[in-house]
C-alpha atoms as a PDB file:
ATOM      1  CA  MET A   1       0.000   0.000   0.000  1.00  0.00           C
ATOM      2  CA  GLU A   2       1.333   3.419  -0.941  1.00  0.00           C
ATOM      3  CA  ILE A   3       1.910   5.794   1.968  1.00  0.00           C
ATOM      4  CA  HIS A   4      -0.570   8.335   0.589  1.00  0.00           C
ATOM      5  CA  ASP A   5      -3.289   5.661   0.511  1.00  0.00           C
ATOM      6  CA  LEU A   6      -2.424   4.615   4.039  1.00  0.00           C
ATOM      7  CA  LEU A   7      -2.717   8.207   5.243  1.00  0.00           C
ATOM      8  CA  LYS A   8      -6.061   8.585   3.482  1.00  0.00           C
ATOM      9  CA  ASN A   9      -7.321   5.640   5.568  1.00  0.00           C
ATOM     10  CA  TYR A  10      -6.732   7.943   8.549  1.00  0.00           C
ATOM     11  CA  GLY A  11      -8.417  10.925   6.924  1.00  0.00           C
ATOM     12  CA  ILE A  12      -5.162  12.603   5.927  1.00  0.00           C
ATOM     13  CA  ASP A  13      -4.903  13.799   2.324  1.00  0.00           C
ATOM     14  CA  PHE A  14      -1.165  14.369   2.067  1.00  0.00           C
ATOM     15  CA  GLU A  15      -1.286  15.440  -1.572  1.00  0.00           C
ATOM     16  CA  ASP A  16      -3.848  18.156  -0.809  1.00  0.00           C
ATOM     17  CA  PHE A  17      -1.910  19.242   2.280  1.00  0.00           C
ATOM     18  CA  SER A  18       1.371  19.336   0.348  1.00  0.00           C
ATOM     19  CA  GLY A  19      -0.193  21.214  -2.566  1.00  0.00           C
ATOM     20  CA  LYS A  20      -1.484  23.933  -0.267  1.00  0.00           C
ATOM     21  CA  ILE A  21       1.883  24.374   1.401  1.00  0.00           C
ATOM     22  CA  MET A  22       3.971  24.309  -1.785  1.00  0.00           C
ATOM     23  CA  LYS A  23       2.011  26.928  -3.743  1.00  0.00           C
ATOM     24  CA  ASP A  24       3.076  30.575  -3.988  1.00  0.00           C
ATOM     25  CA  GLY A  25       2.569  32.485  -0.771  1.00  0.00           C
ATOM     26  CA  ALA A  26       4.811  34.723   1.295  1.00  0.00           C
ATOM     27  CA  ILE A  27       7.592  32.529  -0.136  1.00  0.00           C
ATOM     28  CA  PRO A  28       7.467  31.781  -3.881  1.00  0.00           C
ATOM     29  CA  ALA A  29       6.815  28.148  -4.871  1.00  0.00           C
ATOM     30  CA  LYS A  30      10.248  27.923  -6.510  1.00  0.00           C
ATOM     31  CA  VAL A  31      11.987  28.837  -3.264  1.00  0.00           C
ATOM     32  CA  LYS A  32       9.808  26.361  -1.355  1.00  0.00           C
ATOM     33  CA  ARG A  33      10.880  23.595  -3.754  1.00  0.00           C
ATOM     34  CA  LEU A  34      14.545  24.462  -3.182  1.00  0.00           C
ATOM     35  CA  ILE A  35      13.922  24.471   0.585  1.00  0.00           C
ATOM     36  CA  ALA A  36      12.298  21.043   0.254  1.00  0.00           C
ATOM     37  CA  ILE A  37      15.342  19.723  -1.618  1.00  0.00           C
ATOM     38  CA  ALA A  38      17.734  21.181   0.940  1.00  0.00           C
ATOM     39  CA  SER A  39      15.661  19.837   3.834  1.00  0.00           C
ATOM     40  CA  ALA A  40      15.556  16.378   2.298  1.00  0.00           C
ATOM     41  CA  VAL A  41      19.333  16.403   1.887  1.00  0.00           C
ATOM     42  CA  ALA A  42      19.821  17.666   5.443  1.00  0.00           C
ATOM     43  CA  VAL A  43      17.718  14.874   6.959  1.00  0.00           C
ATOM     44  CA  GLY A  44      19.081  12.242   4.565  1.00  0.00           C
ATOM     45  CA  CYS A  45      15.822  11.215   2.847  1.00  0.00           C
ATOM     46  CA  ASP A  46      16.910   9.870  -0.547  1.00  0.00           C
ATOM     47  CA  TYR A  47      13.316   9.290  -1.659  1.00  0.00           C
ATOM     48  CA  CYS A  48      12.421  12.904  -0.836  1.00  0.00           C
ATOM     49  CA  VAL A  49      15.500  14.262  -2.619  1.00  0.00           C
ATOM     50  CA  ASP A  50      14.680  12.307  -5.774  1.00  0.00           C
ATOM     51  CA  HIS A  51      11.012  13.338  -5.625  1.00  0.00           C
ATOM     52  CA  HIS A  52      11.657  17.052  -5.139  1.00  0.00           C
ATOM     53  CA  VAL A  53      14.499  17.204  -7.685  1.00  0.00           C
ATOM     54  CA  LYS A  54      12.232  15.582 -10.293  1.00  0.00           C
ATOM     55  CA  LEU A  55       9.501  18.131  -9.545  1.00  0.00           C
ATOM     56  CA  ALA A  56      12.031  20.974  -9.570  1.00  0.00           C
ATOM     57  CA  TYR A  57      13.148  20.075 -13.090  1.00  0.00           C
ATOM     58  CA  GLU A  58       9.514  19.832 -14.197  1.00  0.00           C
ATOM     59  CA  GLU A  59       8.928  23.300 -12.717  1.00  0.00           C
ATOM     60  CA  GLY A  60      11.843  24.798 -14.657  1.00  0.00           C
ATOM     61  CA  ILE A  61      14.281  25.102 -11.773  1.00  0.00           C
ATOM     62  CA  SER A  62      17.836  24.943 -13.081  1.00  0.00           C
ATOM     63  CA  ARG A  63      20.465  22.381 -12.190  1.00  0.00           C
ATOM     64  CA  ASP A  64      22.676  25.183 -10.813  1.00  0.00           C
ATOM     65  CA  GLU A  65      19.925  26.302  -8.437  1.00  0.00           C
ATOM     66  CA  ILE A  66      19.388  22.728  -7.253  1.00  0.00           C
ATOM     67  CA  VAL A  67      23.122  22.221  -6.779  1.00  0.00           C
ATOM     68  CA  GLU A  68      23.329  25.345  -4.606  1.00  0.00           C
ATOM     69  CA  ALA A  69      20.398  24.149  -2.488  1.00  0.00           C
ATOM     70  CA  VAL A  70      22.169  20.797  -2.021  1.00  0.00           C
ATOM     71  CA  LEU A  71      25.418  22.572  -1.108  1.00  0.00           C
ATOM     72  CA  VAL A  72      23.652  24.670   1.543  1.00  0.00           C
ATOM     73  CA  ALA A  73      22.095  21.531   3.015  1.00  0.00           C
ATOM     74  CA  SER A  74      25.447  19.764   2.910  1.00  0.00           C
ATOM     75  CA  LEU A  75      26.976  22.641   4.839  1.00  0.00           C
ATOM     76  CA  VAL A  76      24.301  22.255   7.524  1.00  0.00           C
ATOM     77  CA  ARG A  77      24.913  18.490   7.726  1.00  0.00           C
ATOM     78  CA  PHE A  78      28.661  19.047   7.893  1.00  0.00           C
ATOM     79  CA  GLY A  79      28.308  21.659  10.626  1.00  0.00           C
ATOM     80  CA  SER A  80      25.995  19.477  12.677  1.00  0.00           C
ATOM     81  CA  GLY A  81      28.498  16.632  12.537  1.00  0.00           C
ATOM     82  CA  ILE A  82      31.742  18.530  12.977  1.00  0.00           C
ATOM     83  CA  ARG A  83      30.516  20.183  16.185  1.00  0.00           C
ATOM     84  CA  HIS A  84      31.020  16.863  17.971  1.00  0.00           C
ATOM     85  CA  ILE A  85      34.782  17.353  17.788  1.00  0.00           C
ATOM     86  CA  ALA A  86      34.485  19.988  20.520  1.00  0.00           C
ATOM     87  CA  ASN A  87      32.913  17.386  22.817  1.00  0.00           C
ATOM     88  CA  LEU A  88      35.623  14.743  22.360  1.00  0.00           C
ATOM     89  CA  GLY A  89      37.875  16.081  25.081  1.00  0.00           C
ATOM     90  CA  ASP A  90      41.575  15.238  25.030  1.00  0.00           C
ATOM     91  CA  GLY A  91      41.203  11.449  25.165  1.00  0.00           C
ATOM     92  CA  GLU A  92      41.841  11.055  28.883  1.00  0.00           C
END
C-alpha cells in the first residue's frame, strides 16, 4: 500500500496538504521547492531528494539552483556533525 493511501485511511490527504503548502505564498513556490530539496538532503531522505528534484526540473528550476540548495544543506549536515569534535575532550 502506498503511503498516501495509508494516510487517506486515517483521513489525511497528504497530496492536498502538500499542494497547499507548496504553492506561492509569502515565499514563492520555486523557493519552497529548493527548501524542500535542501531539507531532504539535510535529513538524509533519498526518496524525498529524488522526488523534489524531479519536480524541480519539471517546474523549470535549473540544475545550478538545485546544486546550490544541495550545497547549503550539505553545509548544515557538515556543521551538525563537525561540532562533535568539541565534545571529544583530550582522550583522557
